[in-house]
Amino acid sequence: MPDALRKQTARILSVDGRHRLSRVVDWLLILLISLNVLAIILESVPSFHDRYATPLFWFEAFSVTVFSVEYVLRVWSSVELVGFNDTGAFKARLRYMVTPLALIDLLAIAPFYLSILFAVDLRFLRVIRLLRIFKLTRYSGAMNLLLSVFREEAQAFMAAFFVLLMLLILASSGIYLLEHEVQPDAFGSIPDAMWWAMATLTTVGYGDVVPITPLGKLFGGLITVIGIGMVALPAGILASGFADQVHRRRSQYEERLEQVLGDGIITHHEQEDLSHLRESLGLSQDEVEDLTHAYLKKHQQSIRQCPHCHKPLIQERRSDRSSSDE
């Protein structure tokens, strides 16, 4: 009985579009998270906080209770998840607790308990509580896609930021040598000059600190041109990573589609499986329909029913053949 209850709990708490109760739980949690973020933002308004301090406290207590129960249930049922069920229960739960999503769930409830145990600055806790918005990443295919890009391209991003750090040091050192004598307040030291170097390399150019010597202006123009390329470098990495992830997800869906259409019959369970896979991969309905029609046109499969429009495709092909014979 406990094993069955644990499996059912894991299924309900997973983002599973095939399970009606799971969809209800997902939408309720999304609503509660959204209301929490809105409440935290409005709480920063002094007049609103003074007027609704008591309701805000009880709403916070209710939200923390729900999130705490959710966190405990997720940790308890994590041994049933794929990737965590190949070890003992204790090790599986420890592995789950250090995953990014589990850490986000923990950060969502930690500020409330910290405020009870310790005297912590409430403004600091308010900022930490805003991290609850990251709980929405579990339900957003776009955010999951973005996180996947960051994981895949982590080394490329680190290399780009390392080059940016080197240029930051060189730029601040160079402008310090050229400008510190005529502008000791703005460029009195290399750390002071780093503010100008960062604003220039990122092409922001606030204009609060500018070089005034001829060599300083020439050096500043050179750094600005280099900064344009540095801004484009992470953007290019991100764009290529997005394109690669989208291609991988489409290929994964095509592979599953080929398995489903291999026997020429699409069962109700296979339709639900394809729908769930589409949601988990973050593909739109139009993309899936295009992939399905492209596959059918390429392989000329005779299947009994389209997984999306539910129209009989065998009759269409037979009519097409008869018209071609005529």
C-alpha atoms as a PDB file:
ATOM      1  CA  MET A   1       0.000   0.000   0.000  1.00  0.00           C
ATOM      2  CA  PRO A   2       2.733   2.592   0.818  1.00  0.00           C
ATOM      3  CA  ASP A   3       4.493   1.831  -2.477  1.00  0.00           C
ATOM      4  CA  ALA A   4       1.283   2.298  -4.455  1.00  0.00           C
ATOM      5  CA  LEU A   5       0.521   5.545  -2.598  1.00  0.00           C
ATOM      6  CA  ARG A   6       4.049   6.769  -3.248  1.00  0.00           C
ATOM      7  CA  LYS A   7       3.792   5.998  -6.966  1.00  0.00           C
ATOM      8  CA  GLN A   8       0.442   7.759  -7.164  1.00  0.00           C
ATOM      9  CA  THR A   9       1.903  10.791  -5.352  1.00  0.00           C
ATOM     10  CA  ALA A  10       4.862  10.938  -7.726  1.00  0.00           C
ATOM     11  CA  ARG A  11       2.516  10.727 -10.697  1.00  0.00           C
ATOM     12  CA  ILE A  12       0.258  13.501  -9.393  1.00  0.00           C
ATOM     13  CA  LEU A  13       3.141  15.852  -8.584  1.00  0.00           C
ATOM     14  CA  SER A  14       4.842  15.272 -11.923  1.00  0.00           C
ATOM     15  CA  VAL A  15       3.946  17.518 -14.839  1.00  0.00           C
ATOM     16  CA  ASP A  16       1.854  14.822 -16.492  1.00  0.00           C
ATOM     17  CA  GLY A  17      -0.739  16.024 -18.963  1.00  0.00           C
ATOM     18  CA  ARG A  18      -2.299  12.535 -19.113  1.00  0.00           C
ATOM     19  CA  HIS A  19      -3.402  12.606 -15.474  1.00  0.00           C
ATOM     20  CA  ARG A  20      -6.427  14.824 -14.781  1.00  0.00           C
ATOM     21  CA  LEU A  21      -5.669  15.237 -11.069  1.00  0.00           C
ATOM     22  CA  SER A  22      -2.068  16.093 -11.935  1.00  0.00           C
ATOM     23  CA  ARG A  23      -3.250  18.882 -14.250  1.00  0.00           C
ATOM     24  CA  VAL A  24      -5.493  20.256 -11.500  1.00  0.00           C
ATOM     25  CA  VAL A  25      -2.651  20.219  -8.966  1.00  0.00           C
ATOM     26  CA  ASP A  26      -0.312  21.876 -11.460  1.00  0.00           C
ATOM     27  CA  TRP A  27      -2.732  24.714 -12.181  1.00  0.00           C
ATOM     28  CA  LEU A  28      -3.479  25.257  -8.481  1.00  0.00           C
ATOM     29  CA  LEU A  29       0.240  25.472  -7.689  1.00  0.00           C
ATOM     30  CA  ILE A  30       0.827  27.841 -10.619  1.00  0.00           C
ATOM     31  CA  LEU A  31      -2.011  30.050  -9.334  1.00  0.00           C
ATOM     32  CA  LEU A  32      -0.643  30.013  -5.784  1.00  0.00           C
ATOM     33  CA  ILE A  33       2.886  30.842  -6.948  1.00  0.00           C
ATOM     34  CA  SER A  34       1.603  33.709  -9.095  1.00  0.00           C
ATOM     35  CA  LEU A  35      -0.467  35.110  -6.222  1.00  0.00           C
ATOM     36  CA  ASN A  36       2.595  34.874  -3.947  1.00  0.00           C
ATOM     37  CA  VAL A  37       4.742  36.859  -6.338  1.00  0.00           C
ATOM     38  CA  LEU A  38       1.992  39.477  -6.685  1.00  0.00           C
ATOM     39  CA  ALA A  39       1.585  39.679  -2.898  1.00  0.00           C
ATOM     40  CA  ILE A  40       5.330  40.109  -2.346  1.00  0.00           C
ATOM     41  CA  ILE A  41       5.443  42.918  -4.922  1.00  0.00           C
ATOM     42  CA  LEU A  42       2.440  44.722  -3.396  1.00  0.00           C
ATOM     43  CA  GLU A  43       3.856  44.196   0.091  1.00  0.00           C
ATOM     44  CA  SER A  44       6.774  46.468  -0.825  1.00  0.00           C
ATOM     45  CA  VAL A  45       4.287  49.389  -1.044  1.00  0.00           C
ATOM     46  CA  PRO A  46       4.220  50.860   2.520  1.00  0.00           C
ATOM     47  CA  SER A  47       0.572  51.952   2.421  1.00  0.00           C
ATOM     48  CA  PHE A  48      -0.585  48.554   1.114  1.00  0.00           C
ATOM     49  CA  HIS A  49       1.507  46.687   3.679  1.00  0.00           C
ATOM     50  CA  ASP A  50       0.226  48.801   6.588  1.00  0.00           C
ATOM     51  CA  ARG A  51      -3.385  48.263   5.552  1.00  0.00           C
ATOM     52  CA  TYR A  52      -3.252  44.542   4.763  1.00  0.00           C
ATOM     53  CA  ALA A  53      -0.444  43.356   7.050  1.00  0.00           C
ATOM     54  CA  THR A  54      -2.558  40.712   8.813  1.00  0.00           C
ATOM     55  CA  PRO A  55      -4.118  39.145   5.669  1.00  0.00           C
ATOM     56  CA  LEU A  56      -0.693  39.137   4.032  1.00  0.00           C
ATOM     57  CA  PHE A  57       0.805  37.285   6.998  1.00  0.00           C
ATOM     58  CA  TRP A  58      -1.895  34.609   6.986  1.00  0.00           C
ATOM     59  CA  PHE A  59      -1.664  34.221   3.223  1.00  0.00           C
ATOM     60  CA  GLU A  60       2.099  33.794   3.615  1.00  0.00           C
ATOM     61  CA  ALA A  61       1.574  31.174   6.336  1.00  0.00           C
ATOM     62  CA  PHE A  62      -0.953  29.302   4.175  1.00  0.00           C
ATOM     63  CA  SER A  63       1.365  29.406   1.144  1.00  0.00           C
ATOM     64  CA  VAL A  64       4.366  28.178   3.128  1.00  0.00           C
ATOM     65  CA  THR A  65       2.265  25.329   4.529  1.00  0.00           C
ATOM     66  CA  VAL A  66       1.222  24.245   1.023  1.00  0.00           C
ATOM     67  CA  PHE A  67       4.758  24.585  -0.360  1.00  0.00           C
ATOM     68  CA  SER A  68       6.191  22.699   2.633  1.00  0.00           C
ATOM     69  CA  VAL A  69       3.770  19.808   2.147  1.00  0.00           C
ATOM     70  CA  GLU A  70       4.564  19.829  -1.577  1.00  0.00           C
ATOM     71  CA  TYR A  71       8.317  19.752  -0.868  1.00  0.00           C
ATOM     72  CA  VAL A  72       8.038  16.891   1.625  1.00  0.00           C
ATOM     73  CA  LEU A  73       5.841  14.869  -0.742  1.00  0.00           C
ATOM     74  CA  ARG A  74       8.202  15.457  -3.662  1.00  0.00           C
ATOM     75  CA  VAL A  75      11.195  14.288  -1.627  1.00  0.00           C
ATOM     76  CA  TRP A  76       9.282  11.300  -0.281  1.00  0.00           C
ATOM     77  CA  SER A  77       8.046  10.183  -3.706  1.00  0.00           C
ATOM     78  CA  SER A  78      11.281  10.984  -5.570  1.00  0.00           C
ATOM     79  CA  VAL A  79      12.342   7.308  -5.373  1.00  0.00           C
ATOM     80  CA  GLU A  80       9.679   6.582  -8.000  1.00  0.00           C
ATOM     81  CA  LEU A  81      11.078   9.075 -10.517  1.00  0.00           C
ATOM     82  CA  VAL A  82      13.113   7.961 -13.516  1.00  0.00           C
ATOM     83  CA  GLY A  83      16.791   8.420 -12.744  1.00  0.00           C
ATOM     84  CA  PHE A  84      16.325   8.154  -8.977  1.00  0.00           C
ATOM     85  CA  ASN A  85      14.852   4.659  -8.710  1.00  0.00           C
ATOM     86  CA  ASP A  86      18.093   2.831  -9.437  1.00  0.00           C
ATOM     87  CA  THR A  87      19.545   3.306  -5.930  1.00  0.00           C
ATOM     88  CA  GLY A  88      18.354   2.965  -2.355  1.00  0.00           C
ATOM     89  CA  ALA A  89      15.540   5.144  -1.040  1.00  0.00           C
ATOM     90  CA  PHE A  90      17.809   7.267   1.182  1.00  0.00           C
ATOM     91  CA  LYS A  91      20.387   7.954  -1.541  1.00  0.00           C
ATOM     92  CA  ALA A  92      17.658   8.632  -4.100  1.00  0.00           C
ATOM     93  CA  ARG A  93      16.072  11.262  -1.869  1.00  0.00           C
ATOM     94  CA  LEU A  94      19.430  12.893  -1.183  1.00  0.00           C
ATOM     95  CA  ARG A  95      20.160  13.033  -4.916  1.00  0.00           C
ATOM     96  CA  TYR A  96      16.777  14.593  -5.565  1.00  0.00           C
ATOM     97  CA  MET A  97      17.220  17.186  -2.799  1.00  0.00           C
ATOM     98  CA  VAL A  98      20.300  18.638  -4.515  1.00  0.00           C
ATOM     99  CA  THR A  99      18.657  18.970  -7.927  1.00  0.00           C
ATOM    100  CA  PRO A 100      18.012  22.573  -9.081  1.00  0.00           C
ATOM    101  CA  LEU A 101      14.214  22.297  -8.895  1.00  0.00           C
ATOM    102  CA  ALA A 102      14.340  20.790  -5.386  1.00  0.00           C
ATOM    103  CA  LEU A 103      16.671  23.557  -4.206  1.00  0.00           C
ATOM    104  CA  ILE A 104      14.262  26.150  -5.629  1.00  0.00           C
ATOM    105  CA  ASP A 105      11.412  24.494  -3.718  1.00  0.00           C
ATOM    106  CA  LEU A 106      13.501  24.661  -0.546  1.00  0.00           C
ATOM    107  CA  LEU A 107      14.376  28.328  -1.069  1.00  0.00           C
ATOM    108  CA  ALA A 108      10.679  29.083  -1.498  1.00  0.00           C
ATOM    109  CA  ILE A 109       9.913  28.072   2.094  1.00  0.00           C
ATOM    110  CA  ALA A 110      13.231  28.737   3.874  1.00  0.00           C
ATOM    111  CA  PRO A 111      12.746  32.524   4.431  1.00  0.00           C
ATOM    112  CA  PHE A 112       9.563  31.985   6.470  1.00  0.00           C
ATOM    113  CA  TYR A 113      11.253  29.560   8.848  1.00  0.00           C
ATOM    114  CA  LEU A 114      14.368  31.737   9.036  1.00  0.00           C
ATOM    115  CA  SER A 115      12.255  34.706  10.130  1.00  0.00           C
ATOM    116  CA  ILE A 116      10.871  32.590  12.983  1.00  0.00           C
ATOM    117  CA  LEU A 117      14.194  31.187  14.153  1.00  0.00           C
ATOM    118  CA  PHE A 118      16.447  34.190  13.592  1.00  0.00           C
ATOM    119  CA  ALA A 119      16.194  37.973  13.556  1.00  0.00           C
ATOM    120  CA  VAL A 120      16.633  38.541   9.818  1.00  0.00           C
ATOM    121  CA  ASP A 121      16.137  41.771   7.860  1.00  0.00           C
ATOM    122  CA  LEU A 122      12.616  41.588   6.406  1.00  0.00           C
ATOM    123  CA  ARG A 123      13.696  43.416   3.257  1.00  0.00           C
ATOM    124  CA  PHE A 124      16.253  40.691   2.632  1.00  0.00           C
ATOM    125  CA  LEU A 125      13.609  38.006   3.186  1.00  0.00           C
ATOM    126  CA  ARG A 126      11.238  39.747   0.783  1.00  0.00           C
ATOM    127  CA  VAL A 127      13.832  39.550  -1.973  1.00  0.00           C
ATOM    128  CA  ILE A 128      14.549  35.894  -1.191  1.00  0.00           C
ATOM    129  CA  ARG A 129      10.836  35.091  -1.240  1.00  0.00           C
ATOM    130  CA  LEU A 130      10.661  36.397  -4.798  1.00  0.00           C
ATOM    131  CA  LEU A 131      12.680  33.332  -5.781  1.00  0.00           C
ATOM    132  CA  ARG A 132       9.354  31.491  -5.662  1.00  0.00           C
ATOM    133  CA  ILE A 133       8.802  32.693  -9.195  1.00  0.00           C
ATOM    134  CA  PHE A 134      11.433  30.158 -10.280  1.00  0.00           C
ATOM    135  CA  LYS A 135       9.064  27.392  -9.181  1.00  0.00           C
ATOM    136  CA  LEU A 136       7.178  28.174 -12.379  1.00  0.00           C
ATOM    137  CA  THR A 137      10.093  26.790 -14.403  1.00  0.00           C
ATOM    138  CA  ARG A 138       8.775  23.297 -13.626  1.00  0.00           C
ATOM    139  CA  TYR A 139       5.615  24.085 -15.597  1.00  0.00           C
ATOM    140  CA  SER A 140       7.102  26.182 -18.412  1.00  0.00           C
ATOM    141  CA  GLY A 141       8.479  24.481 -21.493  1.00  0.00           C
ATOM    142  CA  ALA A 142      10.169  27.721 -22.576  1.00  0.00           C
ATOM    143  CA  MET A 143      12.024  28.062 -19.271  1.00  0.00           C
ATOM    144  CA  ASN A 144      13.055  24.413 -19.387  1.00  0.00           C
ATOM    145  CA  LEU A 145      14.364  25.019 -22.895  1.00  0.00           C
ATOM    146  CA  LEU A 146      16.353  28.029 -21.684  1.00  0.00           C
ATOM    147  CA  LEU A 147      17.824  26.094 -18.750  1.00  0.00           C
ATOM    148  CA  SER A 148      18.759  23.262 -21.098  1.00  0.00           C
ATOM    149  CA  VAL A 149      20.576  25.743 -23.334  1.00  0.00           C
ATOM    150  CA  PHE A 150      22.502  27.128 -20.367  1.00  0.00           C
ATOM    151  CA  ARG A 151      23.476  23.618 -19.255  1.00  0.00           C
ATOM    152  CA  GLU A 152      24.581  22.556 -22.718  1.00  0.00           C
ATOM    153  CA  GLU A 153      26.490  25.765 -23.464  1.00  0.00           C
ATOM    154  CA  ALA A 154      27.930  26.289 -19.971  1.00  0.00           C
ATOM    155  CA  GLN A 155      31.542  25.939 -21.130  1.00  0.00           C
ATOM    156  CA  ALA A 156      31.028  28.331 -24.041  1.00  0.00           C
ATOM    157  CA  PHE A 157      29.420  30.906 -21.742  1.00  0.00           C
ATOM    158  CA  MET A 158      32.239  30.528 -19.215  1.00  0.00           C
ATOM    159  CA  ALA A 159      34.805  31.076 -21.966  1.00  0.00           C
ATOM    160  CA  ALA A 160      32.974  34.199 -23.175  1.00  0.00           C
ATOM    161  CA  PHE A 161      32.740  35.648 -19.666  1.00  0.00           C
ATOM    162  CA  PHE A 162      36.405  34.841 -19.027  1.00  0.00           C
ATOM    163  CA  VAL A 163      37.354  36.827 -22.135  1.00  0.00           C
ATOM    164  CA  LEU A 164      35.074  39.634 -20.940  1.00  0.00           C
ATOM    165  CA  LEU A 165      36.802  39.611 -17.540  1.00  0.00           C
ATOM    166  CA  MET A 166      40.217  39.846 -19.179  1.00  0.00           C
ATOM    167  CA  LEU A 167      39.086  42.754 -21.352  1.00  0.00           C
ATOM    168  CA  LEU A 168      37.552  44.432 -18.310  1.00  0.00           C
ATOM    169  CA  ILE A 169      40.877  44.325 -16.459  1.00  0.00           C
ATOM    170  CA  LEU A 170      42.846  45.508 -19.510  1.00  0.00           C
ATOM    171  CA  ALA A 171      40.388  48.316 -20.276  1.00  0.00           C
ATOM    172  CA  SER A 172      40.255  49.592 -16.699  1.00  0.00           C
ATOM    173  CA  SER A 173      44.052  49.406 -16.400  1.00  0.00           C
ATOM    174  CA  GLY A 174      44.555  51.244 -19.703  1.00  0.00           C
ATOM    175  CA  ILE A 175      42.116  54.072 -18.944  1.00  0.00           C
ATOM    176  CA  TYR A 176      43.636  54.401 -15.471  1.00  0.00           C
ATOM    177  CA  LEU A 177      47.088  54.998 -16.953  1.00  0.00           C
ATOM    178  CA  LEU A 178      45.728  57.554 -19.435  1.00  0.00           C
ATOM    179  CA  GLU A 179      43.248  59.461 -17.243  1.00  0.00           C
ATOM    180  CA  HIS A 180      44.119  59.139 -13.554  1.00  0.00           C
ATOM    181  CA  GLU A 181      46.281  62.273 -13.490  1.00  0.00           C
ATOM    182  CA  VAL A 182      43.675  64.596 -15.036  1.00  0.00           C
ATOM    183  CA  GLN A 183      40.635  62.917 -13.414  1.00  0.00           C
ATOM    184  CA  PRO A 184      41.745  61.531 -10.041  1.00  0.00           C
ATOM    185  CA  ASP A 185      38.162  61.375  -8.749  1.00  0.00           C
ATOM    186  CA  ALA A 186      36.828  59.260 -11.617  1.00  0.00           C
ATOM    187  CA  PHE A 187      39.939  57.230 -12.478  1.00  0.00           C
ATOM    188  CA  GLY A 188      41.884  57.399  -9.218  1.00  0.00           C
ATOM    189  CA  SER A 189      42.411  53.629  -9.126  1.00  0.00           C
ATOM    190  CA  ILE A 190      41.897  50.578 -11.322  1.00  0.00           C
ATOM    191  CA  PRO A 191      38.829  49.431  -9.322  1.00  0.00           C
ATOM    192  CA  ASP A 192      37.299  52.906  -9.824  1.00  0.00           C
ATOM    193  CA  ALA A 193      38.031  52.684 -13.550  1.00  0.00           C
ATOM    194  CA  MET A 194      36.261  49.315 -13.773  1.00  0.00           C
ATOM    195  CA  TRP A 195      32.879  51.070 -13.636  1.00  0.00           C
ATOM    196  CA  TRP A 196      33.703  52.978 -16.818  1.00  0.00           C
ATOM    197  CA  ALA A 197      35.199  49.856 -18.427  1.00  0.00           C
ATOM    198  CA  MET A 198      32.096  47.765 -17.720  1.00  0.00           C
ATOM    199  CA  ALA A 199      29.710  50.450 -18.978  1.00  0.00           C
ATOM    200  CA  THR A 200      31.793  50.851 -22.140  1.00  0.00           C
ATOM    201  CA  LEU A 201      32.352  47.142 -22.857  1.00  0.00           C
ATOM    202  CA  THR A 202      28.635  46.437 -22.519  1.00  0.00           C
ATOM    203  CA  THR A 203      27.934  49.442 -24.824  1.00  0.00           C
ATOM    204  CA  VAL A 204      25.678  50.974 -22.153  1.00  0.00           C
ATOM    205  CA  GLY A 205      27.699  54.203 -21.897  1.00  0.00           C
ATOM    206  CA  TYR A 206      25.999  55.976 -18.990  1.00  0.00           C
ATOM    207  CA  GLY A 207      28.124  59.070 -19.578  1.00  0.00           C
ATOM    208  CA  ASP A 208      28.728  59.781 -15.881  1.00  0.00           C
ATOM    209  CA  VAL A 209      32.448  58.995 -16.322  1.00  0.00           C
ATOM    210  CA  VAL A 210      34.126  59.798 -19.654  1.00  0.00           C
ATOM    211  CA  PRO A 211      37.734  60.255 -20.791  1.00  0.00           C
ATOM    212  CA  ILE A 212      38.785  63.802 -21.657  1.00  0.00           C
ATOM    213  CA  THR A 213      42.357  63.415 -22.935  1.00  0.00           C
ATOM    214  CA  PRO A 214      42.932  62.688 -26.645  1.00  0.00           C
ATOM    215  CA  LEU A 215      44.573  59.345 -25.938  1.00  0.00           C
ATOM    216  CA  GLY A 216      41.831  58.506 -23.456  1.00  0.00           C
ATOM    217  CA  LYS A 217      39.129  59.231 -26.039  1.00  0.00           C
ATOM    218  CA  LEU A 218      40.925  57.138 -28.654  1.00  0.00           C
ATOM    219  CA  PHE A 219      41.300  54.286 -26.190  1.00  0.00           C
ATOM    220  CA  GLY A 220      37.629  54.620 -25.199  1.00  0.00           C
ATOM    221  CA  GLY A 221      36.511  54.388 -28.822  1.00  0.00           C
ATOM    222  CA  LEU A 222      38.583  51.249 -29.312  1.00  0.00           C
ATOM    223  CA  ILE A 223      37.067  49.649 -26.209  1.00  0.00           C
ATOM    224  CA  THR A 224      33.565  50.558 -27.433  1.00  0.00           C
ATOM    225  CA  VAL A 225      34.147  48.787 -30.759  1.00  0.00           C
ATOM    226  CA  ILE A 226      35.482  45.728 -28.930  1.00  0.00           C
ATOM    227  CA  GLY A 227      32.463  45.860 -26.629  1.00  0.00           C
ATOM    228  CA  ILE A 228      30.079  45.515 -29.580  1.00  0.00           C
ATOM    229  CA  GLY A 229      31.701  42.205 -30.453  1.00  0.00           C
ATOM    230  CA  MET A 230      31.627  41.057 -26.832  1.00  0.00           C
ATOM    231  CA  VAL A 231      27.894  41.701 -26.584  1.00  0.00           C
ATOM    232  CA  ALA A 232      27.284  39.737 -29.769  1.00  0.00           C
ATOM    233  CA  LEU A 233      29.327  36.751 -28.579  1.00  0.00           C
ATOM    234  CA  PRO A 234      26.999  35.502 -25.779  1.00  0.00           C
ATOM    235  CA  ALA A 235      23.981  36.338 -27.951  1.00  0.00           C
ATOM    236  CA  GLY A 236      25.369  34.132 -30.729  1.00  0.00           C
ATOM    237  CA  ILE A 237      26.035  31.299 -28.288  1.00  0.00           C
ATOM    238  CA  LEU A 238      22.509  31.576 -26.924  1.00  0.00           C
ATOM    239  CA  ALA A 239      20.923  31.679 -30.383  1.00  0.00           C
ATOM    240  CA  SER A 240      22.856  28.665 -31.642  1.00  0.00           C
ATOM    241  CA  GLY A 241      22.087  26.794 -28.428  1.00  0.00           C
ATOM    242  CA  PHE A 242      18.368  27.505 -28.818  1.00  0.00           C
ATOM    243  CA  ALA A 243      18.409  26.313 -32.416  1.00  0.00           C
ATOM    244  CA  ASP A 244      20.268  23.136 -31.448  1.00  0.00           C
ATOM    245  CA  GLN A 245      17.861  22.385 -28.580  1.00  0.00           C
ATOM    246  CA  VAL A 246      14.802  22.940 -30.771  1.00  0.00           C
ATOM    247  CA  HIS A 247      16.284  20.626 -33.428  1.00  0.00           C
ATOM    248  CA  ARG A 248      16.995  17.952 -30.798  1.00  0.00           C
ATOM    249  CA  ARG A 249      13.474  18.149 -29.389  1.00  0.00           C
ATOM    250  CA  ARG A 250      11.915  17.897 -32.823  1.00  0.00           C
ATOM    251  CA  SER A 251      14.128  14.909 -33.613  1.00  0.00           C
ATOM    252  CA  GLN A 252      13.087  13.268 -30.339  1.00  0.00           C
ATOM    253  CA  TYR A 253       9.428  13.759 -31.214  1.00  0.00           C
ATOM    254  CA  GLU A 254      10.012  12.422 -34.742  1.00  0.00           C
ATOM    255  CA  GLU A 255      11.642   9.284 -33.336  1.00  0.00           C
ATOM    256  CA  ARG A 256       8.672   8.660 -31.061  1.00  0.00           C
ATOM    257  CA  LEU A 257       6.290   9.418 -33.931  1.00  0.00           C
ATOM    258  CA  GLU A 258       8.042   6.841 -36.090  1.00  0.00           C
ATOM    259  CA  GLN A 259       7.641   4.221 -33.356  1.00  0.00           C
ATOM    260  CA  VAL A 260       3.948   5.034 -32.981  1.00  0.00           C
ATOM    261  CA  LEU A 261       3.161   5.044 -36.720  1.00  0.00           C
ATOM    262  CA  GLY A 262       5.257   1.983 -37.468  1.00  0.00           C
ATOM    263  CA  ASP A 263       2.351  -0.456 -37.217  1.00  0.00           C
ATOM    264  CA  GLY A 264      -0.121   1.826 -39.019  1.00  0.00           C
ATOM    265  CA  ILE A 265      -2.395   2.076 -35.967  1.00  0.00           C
ATOM    266  CA  ILE A 266      -2.562   4.838 -33.356  1.00  0.00           C
ATOM    267  CA  THR A 267      -4.170   3.771 -30.108  1.00  0.00           C
ATOM    268  CA  HIS A 268      -5.694   6.104 -27.536  1.00  0.00           C
ATOM    269  CA  HIS A 269      -2.765   5.479 -25.200  1.00  0.00           C
ATOM    270  CA  GLU A 270      -0.282   6.350 -27.949  1.00  0.00           C
ATOM    271  CA  GLN A 271      -2.164   9.570 -28.687  1.00  0.00           C
ATOM    272  CA  GLU A 272      -1.933  10.560 -25.008  1.00  0.00           C
ATOM    273  CA  ASP A 273       1.743   9.622 -24.983  1.00  0.00           C
ATOM    274  CA  LEU A 274       2.437  11.852 -27.991  1.00  0.00           C
ATOM    275  CA  SER A 275       0.479  14.696 -26.421  1.00  0.00           C
ATOM    276  CA  HIS A 276       2.413  14.374 -23.168  1.00  0.00           C
ATOM    277  CA  LEU A 277       5.714  14.248 -25.056  1.00  0.00           C
ATOM    278  CA  ARG A 278       4.763  17.404 -26.979  1.00  0.00           C
ATOM    279  CA  GLU A 279       4.060  19.263 -23.732  1.00  0.00           C
ATOM    280  CA  SER A 280       7.241  18.069 -22.053  1.00  0.00           C
ATOM    281  CA  LEU A 281       9.340  19.084 -25.066  1.00  0.00           C
ATOM    282  CA  GLY A 282       7.665  22.487 -25.313  1.00  0.00           C
ATOM    283  CA  LEU A 283       6.533  22.019 -28.914  1.00  0.00           C
ATOM    284  CA  SER A 284       3.502  23.879 -30.224  1.00  0.00           C
ATOM    285  CA  GLN A 285       0.515  22.131 -31.766  1.00  0.00           C
ATOM    286  CA  ASP A 286       1.332  23.608 -35.181  1.00  0.00           C
ATOM    287  CA  GLU A 287       4.908  22.291 -35.008  1.00  0.00           C
ATOM    288  CA  VAL A 288       3.683  18.820 -34.149  1.00  0.00           C
ATOM    289  CA  GLU A 289       1.139  18.805 -36.956  1.00  0.00           C
ATOM    290  CA  ASP A 290       3.811  19.924 -39.427  1.00  0.00           C
ATOM    291  CA  LEU A 291       6.136  17.152 -38.242  1.00  0.00           C
ATOM    292  CA  THR A 292       3.337  14.591 -38.510  1.00  0.00           C
ATOM    293  CA  HIS A 293       2.305  15.587 -42.020  1.00  0.00           C
ATOM    294  CA  ALA A 294       5.949  15.752 -43.137  1.00  0.00           C
ATOM    295  CA  TYR A 295       6.533  12.256 -41.805  1.00  0.00           C
ATOM    296  CA  LEU A 296       3.420  10.892 -43.521  1.00  0.00           C
ATOM    297  CA  LYS A 297       4.372  12.519 -46.812  1.00  0.00           C
ATOM    298  CA  LYS A 298       7.908  11.183 -46.604  1.00  0.00           C
ATOM    299  CA  HIS A 299       7.136   7.607 -45.635  1.00  0.00           C
ATOM    300  CA  GLN A 300       3.674   7.263 -47.225  1.00  0.00           C
ATOM    301  CA  GLN A 301       2.427   5.369 -44.218  1.00  0.00           C
ATOM    302  CA  SER A 302      -1.162   4.044 -44.293  1.00  0.00           C
ATOM    303  CA  ILE A 303      -2.499   4.634 -40.825  1.00  0.00           C
ATOM    304  CA  ARG A 304      -6.080   4.525 -39.724  1.00  0.00           C
ATOM    305  CA  GLN A 305      -6.295   7.819 -37.898  1.00  0.00           C
ATOM    306  CA  CYS A 306      -4.409  11.105 -37.616  1.00  0.00           C
ATOM    307  CA  PRO A 307      -3.266  11.731 -34.004  1.00  0.00           C
ATOM    308  CA  HIS A 308      -4.406  15.353 -34.135  1.00  0.00           C
ATOM    309  CA  CYS A 309      -7.362  15.867 -36.468  1.00  0.00           C
ATOM    310  CA  HIS A 310      -8.602  12.246 -35.977  1.00  0.00           C
ATOM    311  CA  LYS A 311      -9.506  11.934 -39.668  1.00  0.00           C
ATOM    312  CA  PRO A 312      -9.229   8.557 -41.452  1.00  0.00           C
ATOM    313  CA  LEU A 313      -6.125   8.741 -43.611  1.00  0.00           C
ATOM    314  CA  ILE A 314      -6.544   5.375 -45.382  1.00  0.00           C
ATOM    315  CA  GLN A 315      -9.561   6.563 -47.310  1.00  0.00           C
ATOM    316  CA  GLU A 316      -7.714   9.700 -48.364  1.00  0.00           C
ATOM    317  CA  ARG A 317      -4.847   7.683 -49.771  1.00  0.00           C
ATOM    318  CA  ARG A 318      -7.156   5.278 -51.568  1.00  0.00           C
ATOM    319  CA  SER A 319      -9.038   8.151 -53.141  1.00  0.00           C
ATOM    320  CA  ASP A 320      -5.770   9.705 -54.139  1.00  0.00           C
ATOM    321  CA  ARG A 321      -4.685   6.446 -55.797  1.00  0.00           C
ATOM    322  CA  SER A 322      -7.965   6.062 -57.664  1.00  0.00           C
ATOM    323  CA  SER A 323      -7.786   9.632 -58.942  1.00  0.00           C
ATOM    324  CA  SER A 324      -4.203   9.090 -60.055  1.00  0.00           C
ATOM    325  CA  ASP A 325      -5.156   5.867 -61.885  1.00  0.00           C
ATOM    326  CA  GLU A 326      -7.810   7.755 -63.803  1.00  0.00           C
END
